[in-house]
């Protein structure tokens, strides 16, 4: 294992299967959170959204709510027509750019 400093970020490099298992199974909770930043704290009201919240009970509860309500099969299918409309509009916009 090596700990590299790439700019301001510390990066753990694991080059063996045994080391990877130790990191990803045994110590996964230590590496699960994103590093906090002033920008994410300001934009997300103290990192209170799912993308920037530190790993813990709050993050697990938010993820559970998002996956059961916002990303359920029924909810995703309800947005299908809007997604298709975006694709069609994108193709139309691209074709207009090519003609110009």
C-alpha atoms as a PDB file:
ATOM      1  CA  UNK A   1       0.000   0.000   0.000  1.00  0.00           C
ATOM      2  CA  UNK A   2       1.095   3.541  -0.775  1.00  0.00           C
ATOM      3  CA  UNK A   3      -0.347   6.874   0.235  1.00  0.00           C
ATOM      4  CA  UNK A   4       0.246   9.466  -2.482  1.00  0.00           C
ATOM      5  CA  UNK A   5      -0.398  13.168  -2.286  1.00  0.00           C
ATOM      6  CA  UNK A   6      -1.858  14.338  -5.607  1.00  0.00           C
ATOM      7  CA  UNK A   7      -2.149  18.085  -5.194  1.00  0.00           C
ATOM      8  CA  UNK A   8      -4.228  18.646  -2.081  1.00  0.00           C
ATOM      9  CA  UNK A   9      -5.775  15.162  -2.174  1.00  0.00           C
ATOM     10  CA  UNK A  10      -4.309  12.138  -0.449  1.00  0.00           C
ATOM     11  CA  UNK A  11      -4.769   8.971  -2.522  1.00  0.00           C
ATOM     12  CA  UNK A  12      -4.425   5.434  -1.227  1.00  0.00           C
ATOM     13  CA  UNK A  13      -2.994   2.977  -3.763  1.00  0.00           C
ATOM     14  CA  UNK A  14      -3.482  -0.713  -3.008  1.00  0.00           C
ATOM     15  CA  UNK A  15      -1.640  -3.138  -5.267  1.00  0.00           C
ATOM     16  CA  UNK A  16      -2.511  -6.542  -3.808  1.00  0.00           C
ATOM     17  CA  UNK A  17      -5.719  -8.549  -3.535  1.00  0.00           C
ATOM     18  CA  UNK A  18      -5.305  -9.043   0.213  1.00  0.00           C
ATOM     19  CA  UNK A  19      -4.746  -5.331   0.746  1.00  0.00           C
ATOM     20  CA  UNK A  20      -7.747  -4.432  -1.423  1.00  0.00           C
ATOM     21  CA  UNK A  21      -9.976  -6.800   0.559  1.00  0.00           C
ATOM     22  CA  UNK A  22      -8.765  -5.280   3.822  1.00  0.00           C
ATOM     23  CA  UNK A  23      -9.484  -1.770   2.592  1.00  0.00           C
ATOM     24  CA  UNK A  24     -12.799  -2.430   0.831  1.00  0.00           C
ATOM     25  CA  UNK A  25     -14.338  -4.860   3.313  1.00  0.00           C
ATOM     26  CA  UNK A  26     -12.843  -4.194   6.717  1.00  0.00           C
ATOM     27  CA  UNK A  27     -12.106  -0.466   6.618  1.00  0.00           C
ATOM     28  CA  UNK A  28     -14.678   0.674   4.043  1.00  0.00           C
ATOM     29  CA  UNK A  29     -16.450   3.010   6.483  1.00  0.00           C
ATOM     30  CA  UNK A  30     -13.268   5.067   6.869  1.00  0.00           C
ATOM     31  CA  UNK A  31     -13.004   5.692   3.113  1.00  0.00           C
ATOM     32  CA  UNK A  32     -16.741   6.008   2.385  1.00  0.00           C
ATOM     33  CA  UNK A  33     -17.118   9.776   2.862  1.00  0.00           C
ATOM     34  CA  UNK A  34     -16.181  12.443   0.361  1.00  0.00           C
ATOM     35  CA  UNK A  35     -13.793  15.091   1.592  1.00  0.00           C
ATOM     36  CA  UNK A  36     -15.697  18.148   2.755  1.00  0.00           C
ATOM     37  CA  UNK A  37     -15.180  21.502   1.090  1.00  0.00           C
ATOM     38  CA  UNK A  38     -16.318  25.041   1.740  1.00  0.00           C
ATOM     39  CA  UNK A  39     -18.085  25.168  -1.636  1.00  0.00           C
ATOM     40  CA  UNK A  40     -20.130  22.010  -1.026  1.00  0.00           C
ATOM     41  CA  UNK A  41     -21.025  23.240   2.463  1.00  0.00           C
ATOM     42  CA  UNK A  42     -22.318  26.544   1.073  1.00  0.00           C
ATOM     43  CA  UNK A  43     -24.174  25.118  -1.938  1.00  0.00           C
ATOM     44  CA  UNK A  44     -25.776  22.209  -0.091  1.00  0.00           C
ATOM     45  CA  UNK A  45     -26.561  23.863   3.253  1.00  0.00           C
ATOM     46  CA  UNK A  46     -23.843  22.178   5.244  1.00  0.00           C
ATOM     47  CA  UNK A  47     -23.476  19.088   3.030  1.00  0.00           C
ATOM     48  CA  UNK A  48     -27.036  18.021   3.820  1.00  0.00           C
ATOM     49  CA  UNK A  49     -27.819  16.418   0.452  1.00  0.00           C
ATOM     50  CA  UNK A  50     -27.040  12.817  -0.468  1.00  0.00           C
ATOM     51  CA  UNK A  51     -24.119  13.576  -2.780  1.00  0.00           C
ATOM     52  CA  UNK A  52     -22.026  15.474  -0.233  1.00  0.00           C
ATOM     53  CA  UNK A  53     -23.286  14.225   3.133  1.00  0.00           C
ATOM     54  CA  UNK A  54     -20.670  12.371   5.155  1.00  0.00           C
ATOM     55  CA  UNK A  55     -21.194   8.622   5.388  1.00  0.00           C
ATOM     56  CA  UNK A  56     -23.244   7.720   8.433  1.00  0.00           C
ATOM     57  CA  UNK A  57     -26.804   7.252   9.642  1.00  0.00           C
ATOM     58  CA  UNK A  58     -28.099  10.441   7.971  1.00  0.00           C
ATOM     59  CA  UNK A  59     -26.586   9.456   4.592  1.00  0.00           C
ATOM     60  CA  UNK A  60     -28.066   5.939   4.817  1.00  0.00           C
ATOM     61  CA  UNK A  61     -31.537   7.329   5.603  1.00  0.00           C
ATOM     62  CA  UNK A  62     -31.394   9.850   2.742  1.00  0.00           C
ATOM     63  CA  UNK A  63     -30.200   7.156   0.322  1.00  0.00           C
ATOM     64  CA  UNK A  64     -33.040   4.877   1.429  1.00  0.00           C
ATOM     65  CA  UNK A  65     -35.617   7.633   0.829  1.00  0.00           C
ATOM     66  CA  UNK A  66     -34.181   8.486  -2.586  1.00  0.00           C
ATOM     67  CA  UNK A  67     -34.037   4.894  -3.804  1.00  0.00           C
ATOM     68  CA  UNK A  68     -37.499   3.937  -2.552  1.00  0.00           C
ATOM     69  CA  UNK A  69     -39.356   7.096  -3.610  1.00  0.00           C
ATOM     70  CA  UNK A  70     -37.461   9.091  -6.236  1.00  0.00           C
ATOM     71  CA  UNK A  71     -35.778   6.210  -8.068  1.00  0.00           C
ATOM     72  CA  UNK A  72     -38.507   3.583  -7.883  1.00  0.00           C
ATOM     73  CA  UNK A  73     -39.412   1.839 -11.147  1.00  0.00           C
ATOM     74  CA  UNK A  74     -42.789   3.576 -11.282  1.00  0.00           C
ATOM     75  CA  UNK A  75     -41.295   7.047 -10.701  1.00  0.00           C
ATOM     76  CA  UNK A  76     -38.504   6.553 -13.252  1.00  0.00           C
ATOM     77  CA  UNK A  77     -41.016   5.349 -15.853  1.00  0.00           C
ATOM     78  CA  UNK A  78     -43.163   8.419 -15.189  1.00  0.00           C
ATOM     79  CA  UNK A  79     -40.266  10.593 -16.421  1.00  0.00           C
ATOM     80  CA  UNK A  80     -39.703   8.517 -19.563  1.00  0.00           C
ATOM     81  CA  UNK A  81     -41.646  10.833 -21.891  1.00  0.00           C
ATOM     82  CA  UNK A  82     -39.767  13.895 -20.618  1.00  0.00           C
ATOM     83  CA  UNK A  83     -36.448  12.108 -21.138  1.00  0.00           C
ATOM     84  CA  UNK A  84     -37.408  11.112 -24.680  1.00  0.00           C
ATOM     85  CA  UNK A  85     -38.455  14.691 -25.408  1.00  0.00           C
ATOM     86  CA  UNK A  86     -35.028  15.891 -24.236  1.00  0.00           C
ATOM     87  CA  UNK A  87     -33.335  13.394 -26.567  1.00  0.00           C
ATOM     88  CA  UNK A  88     -35.455  14.470 -29.547  1.00  0.00           C
ATOM     89  CA  UNK A  89     -34.811  18.161 -28.818  1.00  0.00           C
ATOM     90  CA  UNK A  90     -31.098  17.453 -28.523  1.00  0.00           C
ATOM     91  CA  UNK A  91     -31.024  15.730 -31.917  1.00  0.00           C
ATOM     92  CA  UNK A  92     -33.020  18.575 -33.447  1.00  0.00           C
ATOM     93  CA  UNK A  93     -30.667  21.199 -31.988  1.00  0.00           C
ATOM     94  CA  UNK A  94     -27.623  19.303 -33.290  1.00  0.00           C
ATOM     95  CA  UNK A  95     -29.130  18.951 -36.751  1.00  0.00           C
ATOM     96  CA  UNK A  96     -29.833  22.697 -36.863  1.00  0.00           C
ATOM     97  CA  UNK A  97     -26.201  23.421 -35.940  1.00  0.00           C
ATOM     98  CA  UNK A  98     -24.961  21.153 -38.724  1.00  0.00           C
ATOM     99  CA  UNK A  99     -27.140  22.925 -41.304  1.00  0.00           C
ATOM    100  CA  UNK A 100     -25.765  26.345 -40.357  1.00  0.00           C
END
